Amino acid sequence: MSHQGKVVQLAAYRFIRAAKKTRVINIITGISILGVIIGVTTIVVVLSVLNGFRKLATDLFLVVDSDVQLVSTRGASMSISDTLLLELKRLPSVASVHRFVEGKVLMITERQSGVVALKGIEQSAYKRMARFLDAGYEPLDNESLTIGIGLAQKFTATYKTEARLLSPRAIDDGLDALQRGITASAPELPVLTVQNYFSAHRAYDDAYVLAALPITQRIFRLSPADISGVDIYASAGIDNETLKKQVQAWLMEKQLNERYAVQSLSDKYEELFRVMKLEKWGSFIILMLIIIVASMSLIGSLTMTAIEKKQDLYFLYCIGMTKQSIEKIFLLEGLLIGVIGTAIGIGLGWLICTAQQEFGVVPLPYGDAFIIKAYPVAIERDDFLIAAATAVGIAVLASIYPAKKAATVLDRAARK
């Protein structure tokens, strides 16, 4: 670093620390730093809480759905070998894989009938949703159903309620039997009993019924090798879009990309996740106004400093400092104020978020009625970096006018 550069740094540092003749300047500078601290702290806390709600929504979707699904490109059903499933499970980003069969059926009980979504799952998939089950985990058998709590209320389906499930093929077979007359045999309708309820997200609670994979294959007239797809769950720290790309790369490597397609949770619920993202960054822009207001007081503080320090500036000019170097002093002073306020704000925000994450300091209103009792928090490094860079950038931009003002003051002092 050049000698002049060191002088610029030293002057900027001393201008912040040195006692001002006008006490108002100190107050305004303090307000500027405090405004940056409050703004940055508020931004990182609010973004982390919004991240927490988004993660909670995703986790609730994952009770019945998965991060990524492998489905067929050639029809409603597909088959996949155990060898391929094992290779898929061994990918670094994959935590687990589960086969499933899914489709619409007509559910008939003694009191109600209607179209529902039936998903047949493996025992391993059913076990992972144990904490969302009303009666706890018990292995699914070929005679039992687990029904969404909203759907159960609609059908008045209590424990041990019997239900018949008709797939579109079964309905077609029944109509065909009616046309052929008394010689035709009626299609067999499996009778299943409500064993359990699940409560996760309304999108599933009001529409889904779960059953064991073998009986679901039988209901849809599928062979034991045929499935609708494979649910793929991501390893810790991997988001569904990253997992999707890695599974797609694996399919390309195996030359299976024309046979299978990959669909992420974000693809299935694109509108919802887009709204959540817009809400997050809309909040970021609105809260950034706090820092912009603080930067207004920074402009006043640095401008008054330039006027008060005109003799010091003239002395620096006399010993060889250029106007550009004088401007750099005030730009650096604004940068230092921004960095100080941002660093404290980031640290304070991280402490608040960590305390909420670990101890649930701030409870949710009527928390007893929800799955969680306190505001959820998810700390993401990128949010902190973006908030810090934006706050410091605004502070530097706010310093441009005072820097130009300092050069003007210097010109006047030099002419005198």
Protein backbone atom coordinates (compact mmCIF):
# COMPACT_ATOMS: atom_id res chain seq x y z
CA MET A 1 0.00 0.00 0.00
CA SER A 2 1.30 3.49 -0.88
CA HIS A 3 2.15 6.11 1.75
CA GLN A 4 -0.80 8.25 0.62
CA GLY A 5 -3.14 5.29 0.96
CA LYS A 6 -2.03 4.78 4.56
CA VAL A 7 -2.64 8.48 5.27
CA VAL A 8 -6.18 8.15 3.82
CA GLN A 9 -6.92 5.20 6.11
CA LEU A 10 -5.49 6.91 9.19
CA ALA A 11 -7.38 10.14 8.51
CA ALA A 12 -10.70 8.32 8.01
CA TYR A 13 -10.18 6.37 11.24
CA ARG A 14 -9.29 9.50 13.22
CA PHE A 15 -12.24 11.46 11.80
CA ILE A 16 -14.57 8.83 13.26
CA ARG A 17 -12.85 8.64 16.65
CA ALA A 18 -11.81 12.25 17.16
CA ALA A 19 -13.97 14.43 19.42
CA LYS A 20 -16.00 16.87 17.39
CA LYS A 21 -16.49 20.48 18.38
CA THR A 22 -20.15 20.17 17.46
CA ARG A 23 -21.79 17.53 19.62
CA VAL A 24 -24.62 17.20 17.10
CA ILE A 25 -22.25 15.49 14.64
CA ASN A 26 -21.47 12.76 17.18
CA ILE A 27 -25.17 12.23 17.80
CA ILE A 28 -25.95 12.00 14.09
CA THR A 29 -23.05 9.58 13.53
CA GLY A 30 -24.31 7.43 16.41
CA ILE A 31 -27.82 7.47 14.94
CA SER A 32 -26.39 6.36 11.57
CA ILE A 33 -24.57 3.39 13.13
CA LEU A 34 -27.59 2.50 15.27
CA GLY A 35 -29.86 2.66 12.21
CA VAL A 36 -27.59 0.27 10.30
CA ILE A 37 -27.46 -2.09 13.30
CA ILE A 38 -31.26 -2.11 13.68
CA GLY A 39 -31.81 -2.47 9.93
CA VAL A 40 -29.39 -5.34 9.42
CA THR A 41 -30.56 -7.15 12.58
CA THR A 42 -34.20 -6.84 11.54
CA ILE A 43 -33.49 -8.03 8.00
CA VAL A 44 -31.56 -11.17 8.97
CA VAL A 45 -34.08 -12.09 11.68
CA VAL A 46 -37.13 -11.63 9.41
CA LEU A 47 -35.49 -13.51 6.52
CA SER A 48 -34.53 -16.36 8.87
CA VAL A 49 -38.10 -16.59 10.21
CA LEU A 50 -39.49 -16.65 6.65
CA ASN A 51 -36.94 -19.36 5.84
CA GLY A 52 -38.22 -21.24 8.87
CA PHE A 53 -41.83 -21.10 7.69
CA ARG A 54 -40.78 -22.19 4.19
CA LYS A 55 -38.82 -25.13 5.63
CA LEU A 56 -41.78 -26.05 7.84
CA ALA A 57 -44.11 -26.03 4.81
CA THR A 58 -41.61 -28.17 2.87
CA ASP A 59 -41.29 -30.64 5.76
CA LEU A 60 -45.08 -30.96 5.91
CA PHE A 61 -45.22 -31.65 2.18
CA LEU A 62 -42.58 -34.34 2.66
CA VAL A 63 -44.84 -36.28 5.02
CA VAL A 64 -46.68 -37.71 2.00
CA ASP A 65 -44.59 -36.41 -0.91
CA SER A 66 -40.82 -36.45 -1.49
CA ASP A 67 -38.04 -34.04 -2.47
CA VAL A 68 -37.84 -35.61 -5.92
CA GLN A 69 -39.86 -38.24 -7.77
CA LEU A 70 -38.64 -40.55 -10.51
CA VAL A 71 -41.52 -41.23 -12.91
CA SER A 72 -42.01 -42.79 -16.32
CA THR A 73 -41.95 -40.82 -19.56
CA ARG A 74 -43.92 -43.57 -21.34
CA GLY A 75 -47.13 -43.90 -19.38
CA ALA A 76 -48.76 -43.92 -15.96
CA SER A 77 -46.79 -46.92 -14.67
CA MET A 78 -43.24 -48.16 -14.84
CA SER A 79 -40.92 -50.82 -13.52
CA ILE A 80 -37.43 -50.47 -12.08
CA SER A 81 -34.97 -53.16 -11.08
CA ASP A 82 -33.63 -53.60 -7.56
CA THR A 83 -30.12 -53.06 -8.95
CA LEU A 84 -31.03 -49.60 -10.29
CA LEU A 85 -32.77 -48.71 -7.04
CA LEU A 86 -29.66 -49.66 -5.10
CA GLU A 87 -27.46 -47.54 -7.38
CA LEU A 88 -29.84 -44.62 -7.00
CA LYS A 89 -29.78 -44.95 -3.22
CA ARG A 90 -25.95 -44.86 -3.26
CA LEU A 91 -25.83 -41.36 -4.79
CA PRO A 92 -24.23 -38.96 -2.26
CA SER A 93 -27.22 -36.59 -2.28
CA VAL A 94 -29.81 -39.35 -1.71
CA ALA A 95 -30.93 -40.31 1.81
CA SER A 96 -33.55 -42.91 0.90
CA VAL A 97 -35.72 -44.20 -1.95
CA HIS A 98 -39.21 -45.72 -1.77
CA ARG A 99 -41.42 -47.16 -4.51
CA PHE A 100 -45.03 -45.98 -4.69
CA VAL A 101 -48.27 -46.32 -6.63
CA GLU A 102 -50.60 -43.34 -6.84
CA GLY A 103 -53.87 -42.48 -8.54
CA LYS A 104 -57.50 -41.45 -8.16
CA VAL A 105 -60.07 -43.92 -6.83
CA LEU A 106 -63.69 -43.91 -5.79
CA MET A 107 -63.92 -44.53 -2.05
CA ILE A 108 -67.21 -45.90 -0.74
CA THR A 109 -68.14 -46.14 2.94
CA GLU A 110 -71.51 -46.76 4.61
CA ARG A 111 -72.17 -43.03 4.94
CA GLN A 112 -70.33 -41.36 2.07
CA SER A 113 -68.67 -41.86 -1.29
CA GLY A 114 -66.35 -39.72 -3.33
CA VAL A 115 -63.16 -39.49 -5.36
CA VAL A 116 -59.91 -39.49 -3.35
CA ALA A 117 -56.20 -39.79 -4.07
CA LEU A 118 -54.83 -43.20 -3.10
CA LYS A 119 -51.12 -43.65 -2.55
CA GLY A 120 -49.63 -47.07 -1.96
CA ILE A 121 -46.33 -46.92 -0.08
CA GLU A 122 -43.68 -49.25 1.33
CA GLN A 123 -43.34 -49.91 5.04
CA SER A 124 -40.11 -47.88 5.21
CA ALA A 125 -41.90 -44.81 3.81
CA TYR A 126 -44.80 -45.25 6.25
CA LYS A 127 -42.42 -45.52 9.19
CA ARG A 128 -40.73 -42.19 8.42
CA MET A 129 -44.06 -40.36 8.84
CA ALA A 130 -44.71 -41.90 12.26
CA ARG A 131 -44.82 -38.62 14.21
CA PHE A 132 -47.65 -37.34 12.03
CA LEU A 133 -49.84 -40.40 12.67
CA ASP A 134 -52.69 -40.11 15.14
CA ALA A 135 -52.26 -43.57 16.67
CA GLY A 136 -48.50 -43.83 16.24
CA TYR A 137 -46.68 -46.19 13.90
CA GLU A 138 -48.04 -49.65 13.26
CA PRO A 139 -47.02 -51.56 10.12
CA LEU A 140 -49.43 -51.21 7.20
CA ASP A 141 -51.07 -54.45 6.14
CA ASN A 142 -53.14 -55.32 3.09
CA GLU A 143 -56.41 -54.76 4.94
CA SER A 144 -55.83 -51.32 6.47
CA LEU A 145 -56.01 -47.68 5.45
CA THR A 146 -54.46 -44.51 6.82
CA ILE A 147 -56.61 -41.54 5.93
CA GLY A 148 -56.04 -37.76 6.02
CA ILE A 149 -57.76 -36.13 8.98
CA GLY A 150 -59.71 -33.69 6.79
CA LEU A 151 -60.89 -36.48 4.51
CA ALA A 152 -61.88 -38.58 7.53
CA GLN A 153 -64.13 -35.77 8.75
CA LYS A 154 -65.69 -35.42 5.30
CA PHE A 155 -66.44 -39.17 5.11
CA THR A 156 -67.25 -39.48 8.84
CA ALA A 157 -64.69 -42.28 8.83
CA THR A 158 -63.93 -43.38 12.39
CA TYR A 159 -61.56 -46.16 13.43
CA LYS A 160 -62.52 -49.56 11.98
CA THR A 161 -64.70 -47.93 9.32
CA GLU A 162 -64.79 -50.18 6.26
CA ALA A 163 -64.17 -48.72 2.82
CA ARG A 164 -64.19 -50.07 -0.71
CA LEU A 165 -61.82 -48.53 -3.24
CA LEU A 166 -62.59 -48.62 -6.96
CA SER A 167 -59.98 -47.69 -9.52
CA PRO A 168 -61.02 -46.44 -13.00
CA ARG A 169 -60.23 -49.90 -14.38
CA ALA A 170 -62.43 -51.57 -11.76
CA ILE A 171 -65.29 -49.21 -12.64
CA ASP A 172 -64.84 -50.03 -16.35
CA ASP A 173 -64.87 -53.76 -15.53
CA GLY A 174 -68.07 -53.29 -13.52
CA LEU A 175 -69.80 -51.46 -16.36
CA ASP A 176 -68.65 -54.17 -18.76
CA ALA A 177 -70.08 -56.84 -16.45
CA LEU A 178 -73.44 -55.03 -16.41
CA GLN A 179 -73.53 -54.98 -20.21
CA ARG A 180 -72.76 -58.70 -20.47
CA GLY A 181 -75.65 -59.59 -18.20
CA ILE A 182 -76.01 -62.25 -15.51
CA THR A 183 -73.34 -64.54 -16.99
CA ALA A 184 -70.57 -62.03 -16.25
CA SER A 185 -68.81 -62.08 -12.89
CA ALA A 186 -68.69 -58.85 -10.89
CA PRO A 187 -65.20 -57.37 -10.25
CA GLU A 188 -63.71 -58.12 -6.84
CA LEU A 189 -63.69 -55.07 -4.55
CA PRO A 190 -61.16 -55.20 -1.71
CA VAL A 191 -62.58 -54.08 1.64
CA LEU A 192 -60.12 -52.10 3.76
CA THR A 193 -60.47 -50.84 7.33
CA VAL A 194 -59.43 -47.42 8.62
CA GLN A 195 -56.51 -48.08 10.95
CA ASN A 196 -54.94 -44.64 11.40
CA TYR A 197 -55.09 -40.93 10.54
CA PHE A 198 -52.38 -38.52 9.48
CA SER A 199 -52.26 -34.75 9.81
CA ALA A 200 -49.65 -32.80 7.84
CA HIS A 201 -50.58 -30.29 5.15
CA ARG A 202 -54.13 -29.47 4.10
CA ALA A 203 -53.31 -30.36 0.50
CA TYR A 204 -52.90 -33.96 1.66
CA ASP A 205 -55.14 -34.07 4.74
CA ASP A 206 -58.23 -33.27 2.66
CA ALA A 207 -57.51 -35.54 -0.29
CA TYR A 208 -55.19 -38.49 0.43
CA VAL A 209 -55.62 -42.07 1.58
CA LEU A 210 -52.57 -44.27 2.21
CA ALA A 211 -52.38 -48.04 1.88
CA ALA A 212 -49.75 -50.75 1.61
CA LEU A 213 -48.05 -51.00 -1.78
CA PRO A 214 -49.18 -54.59 -2.63
CA ILE A 215 -52.91 -53.98 -2.05
CA THR A 216 -52.70 -50.67 -3.96
CA GLN A 217 -51.16 -52.48 -6.93
CA ARG A 218 -54.06 -54.92 -6.74
CA ILE A 219 -56.64 -52.10 -6.62
CA PHE A 220 -55.12 -50.47 -9.73
CA ARG A 221 -54.82 -53.86 -11.49
CA LEU A 222 -51.02 -53.64 -11.65
CA SER A 223 -48.50 -56.45 -11.46
CA PRO A 224 -46.15 -56.66 -8.41
CA ALA A 225 -43.34 -55.18 -10.58
CA ASP A 226 -45.35 -52.15 -11.77
CA ILE A 227 -45.27 -48.85 -9.85
CA SER A 228 -46.14 -45.20 -10.46
CA GLY A 229 -42.68 -43.97 -9.49
CA VAL A 230 -39.98 -43.71 -6.88
CA ASP A 231 -39.95 -41.21 -4.00
CA ILE A 232 -36.41 -39.90 -3.47
CA TYR A 233 -35.48 -38.05 -0.27
CA ALA A 234 -32.49 -35.72 -0.07
CA SER A 235 -29.56 -36.03 2.32
CA ALA A 236 -29.19 -33.39 5.03
CA GLY A 237 -28.23 -29.98 3.62
CA ILE A 238 -29.28 -30.82 0.03
CA ASP A 239 -32.24 -28.94 -1.45
CA ASN A 240 -34.67 -30.57 -3.87
CA GLU A 241 -33.40 -28.68 -6.93
CA THR A 242 -29.81 -29.81 -6.30
CA LEU A 243 -31.02 -33.38 -5.80
CA LYS A 244 -33.03 -33.17 -9.03
CA LYS A 245 -29.96 -32.11 -11.03
CA GLN A 246 -27.85 -34.92 -9.57
CA VAL A 247 -30.50 -37.55 -10.31
CA GLN A 248 -30.85 -36.19 -13.86
CA ALA A 249 -27.07 -36.43 -14.29
CA TRP A 250 -27.21 -40.04 -13.06
CA LEU A 251 -29.97 -40.85 -15.57
CA MET A 252 -27.91 -39.31 -18.38
CA GLU A 253 -24.91 -41.36 -17.33
CA LYS A 254 -27.02 -44.55 -17.35
CA GLN A 255 -28.68 -43.49 -20.64
CA LEU A 256 -32.09 -43.74 -18.97
CA ASN A 257 -33.17 -40.13 -19.46
CA GLU A 258 -35.59 -41.10 -22.26
CA ARG A 259 -37.22 -43.74 -20.08
CA TYR A 260 -37.50 -41.86 -16.78
CA ALA A 261 -38.20 -38.25 -15.83
CA VAL A 262 -37.42 -36.36 -12.63
CA GLN A 263 -39.88 -34.05 -10.88
CA SER A 264 -38.96 -32.00 -7.80
CA LEU A 265 -41.29 -30.79 -5.05
CA SER A 266 -40.72 -27.24 -6.31
CA ASP A 267 -41.98 -28.30 -9.75
CA LYS A 268 -45.19 -29.80 -8.34
CA TYR A 269 -45.99 -26.76 -6.19
CA GLU A 270 -44.30 -24.09 -8.30
CA GLU A 271 -46.83 -21.33 -7.60
CA LEU A 272 -46.72 -21.77 -3.83
CA PHE A 273 -42.93 -21.72 -3.63
CA ARG A 274 -42.77 -18.73 -5.98
CA VAL A 275 -45.14 -16.78 -3.73
CA MET A 276 -43.04 -17.66 -0.67
CA LYS A 277 -39.89 -16.48 -2.43
CA LEU A 278 -41.55 -13.21 -3.49
CA GLU A 279 -42.74 -12.68 0.08
CA LYS A 280 -39.22 -13.16 1.39
CA TRP A 281 -37.48 -10.76 -0.97
CA GLY A 282 -40.36 -8.28 -0.84
CA SER A 283 -39.83 -8.13 2.92
CA PHE A 284 -36.10 -7.69 2.32
CA ILE A 285 -36.68 -4.65 0.07
CA ILE A 286 -39.15 -3.05 2.49
CA LEU A 287 -36.89 -3.57 5.52
CA MET A 288 -33.93 -2.17 3.59
CA LEU A 289 -35.70 1.20 3.92
CA ILE A 290 -34.50 1.26 7.54
CA ILE A 291 -30.89 1.26 6.33
CA ILE A 292 -31.66 3.82 3.62
CA VAL A 293 -33.12 6.16 6.27
CA ALA A 294 -30.03 5.59 8.42
CA SER A 295 -27.86 6.48 5.42
CA MET A 296 -29.61 9.85 5.19
CA SER A 297 -28.31 10.73 8.64
CA LEU A 298 -24.91 9.42 7.55
CA ILE A 299 -24.91 11.95 4.72
CA GLY A 300 -25.61 14.75 7.22
CA SER A 301 -22.95 13.51 9.64
CA LEU A 302 -20.20 13.24 7.02
CA THR A 303 -21.13 16.58 5.43
CA MET A 304 -20.91 18.37 8.79
CA THR A 305 -17.59 16.59 9.47
CA ALA A 306 -16.24 17.89 6.14
CA ILE A 307 -17.20 21.44 7.09
CA GLU A 308 -15.79 21.16 10.63
CA LYS A 309 -12.53 19.56 9.47
CA LYS A 310 -11.78 22.03 6.67
CA GLN A 311 -8.54 23.19 8.36
CA ASP A 312 -7.35 19.58 8.73
CA LEU A 313 -8.28 18.92 5.11
CA TYR A 314 -6.35 21.99 3.99
CA PHE A 315 -3.31 20.84 5.98
CA LEU A 316 -3.48 17.43 4.28
CA TYR A 317 -3.77 19.18 0.94
CA CYS A 318 -0.70 21.29 1.71
CA ILE A 319 1.44 18.22 2.48
CA GLY A 320 0.60 16.66 -0.87
CA MET A 321 -2.83 15.01 -0.62
CA THR A 322 -4.88 15.29 -3.81
CA LYS A 323 -8.60 16.05 -4.03
CA GLN A 324 -9.20 12.44 -5.01
CA SER A 325 -7.45 11.28 -1.85
CA ILE A 326 -9.55 13.68 0.25
CA GLU A 327 -12.67 12.18 -1.30
CA LYS A 328 -11.39 8.70 -0.48
CA ILE A 329 -11.10 9.70 3.20
CA PHE A 330 -14.85 10.31 3.41
CA LEU A 331 -15.71 7.31 1.31
CA LEU A 332 -13.60 5.18 3.64
CA GLU A 333 -15.18 6.83 6.69
CA GLY A 334 -18.65 5.92 5.35
CA LEU A 335 -17.41 2.40 4.63
CA LEU A 336 -16.08 2.05 8.20
CA ILE A 337 -19.39 3.26 9.67
CA GLY A 338 -21.27 0.82 7.42
CA VAL A 339 -18.98 -2.08 8.30
CA ILE A 340 -19.18 -1.37 12.05
CA GLY A 341 -22.99 -1.15 12.02
CA THR A 342 -23.31 -4.17 9.72
CA ALA A 343 -20.93 -6.35 11.76
CA ILE A 344 -22.78 -5.60 15.00
CA GLY A 345 -26.16 -6.10 13.27
CA ILE A 346 -25.10 -9.45 11.76
CA GLY A 347 -23.75 -10.66 15.11
CA LEU A 348 -26.85 -9.55 16.99
CA GLY A 349 -29.16 -11.07 14.37
CA TRP A 350 -27.29 -14.38 14.50
CA LEU A 351 -27.56 -14.47 18.32
CA ILE A 352 -31.33 -13.78 18.19
CA CYS A 353 -31.91 -16.40 15.49
CA THR A 354 -29.80 -19.00 17.29
CA ALA A 355 -31.61 -18.38 20.59
CA GLN A 356 -35.00 -18.73 18.86
CA GLN A 357 -33.87 -21.84 17.02
CA GLU A 358 -32.53 -23.56 20.12
CA PHE A 359 -34.89 -22.35 22.85
CA GLY A 360 -38.04 -21.05 21.10
CA VAL A 361 -37.85 -17.72 22.98
CA VAL A 362 -40.77 -16.11 21.09
CA PRO A 363 -43.82 -18.44 21.07
CA LEU A 364 -46.48 -18.50 18.36
CA PRO A 365 -49.88 -17.10 19.35
CA TYR A 366 -52.13 -20.08 20.12
CA GLY A 367 -49.08 -22.32 19.64
CA ASP A 368 -50.86 -25.27 21.26
CA ALA A 369 -53.09 -25.52 18.19
CA PHE A 370 -50.12 -25.89 15.80
CA ILE A 371 -47.48 -28.51 15.12
CA ILE A 372 -44.84 -26.07 16.43
CA LYS A 373 -45.11 -23.83 19.49
CA ALA A 374 -42.59 -21.09 18.60
CA TYR A 375 -41.70 -19.10 15.48
CA PRO A 376 -39.56 -21.34 13.25
CA VAL A 377 -36.11 -20.11 12.24
CA ALA A 378 -33.76 -21.36 9.53
CA ILE A 379 -30.40 -19.57 9.26
CA GLU A 380 -29.06 -19.36 5.71
CA ARG A 381 -25.57 -17.99 5.13
CA ASP A 382 -26.46 -16.36 1.80
CA ASP A 383 -29.14 -14.20 3.45
CA PHE A 384 -26.60 -12.83 5.92
CA LEU A 385 -24.07 -12.16 3.15
CA ILE A 386 -26.64 -10.39 0.95
CA ALA A 387 -27.88 -8.25 3.87
CA ALA A 388 -24.31 -7.33 4.84
CA ALA A 389 -23.20 -6.49 1.28
CA THR A 390 -26.31 -4.37 0.63
CA ALA A 391 -26.00 -2.45 3.91
CA VAL A 392 -22.31 -1.69 3.36
CA GLY A 393 -23.00 -0.76 -0.27
CA ILE A 394 -25.71 1.73 0.77
CA ALA A 395 -23.35 3.26 3.34
CA VAL A 396 -20.66 3.75 0.69
CA LEU A 397 -23.16 5.26 -1.77
CA ALA A 398 -24.35 7.63 0.96
CA SER A 399 -20.74 8.79 1.39
CA ILE A 400 -20.34 9.98 -2.19
CA TYR A 401 -22.07 13.33 -1.69
CA PRO A 402 -20.11 14.22 1.52
CA ALA A 403 -16.88 13.22 -0.28
CA LYS A 404 -17.67 15.65 -3.12
CA LYS A 405 -18.62 18.27 -0.51
CA ALA A 406 -15.25 17.83 1.18
CA ALA A 407 -13.49 18.53 -2.12
CA THR A 408 -15.60 21.68 -2.55
CA VAL A 409 -14.76 22.86 1.01
CA LEU A 410 -11.08 22.21 0.26
CA ASP A 411 -11.28 24.36 -2.89
CA ARG A 412 -12.74 27.24 -0.93
CA ALA A 413 -10.12 26.90 1.80
CA ALA A 414 -7.33 26.81 -0.80
CA ARG A 415 -8.58 29.97 -2.49
CA LYS A 416 -8.58 31.81 0.82
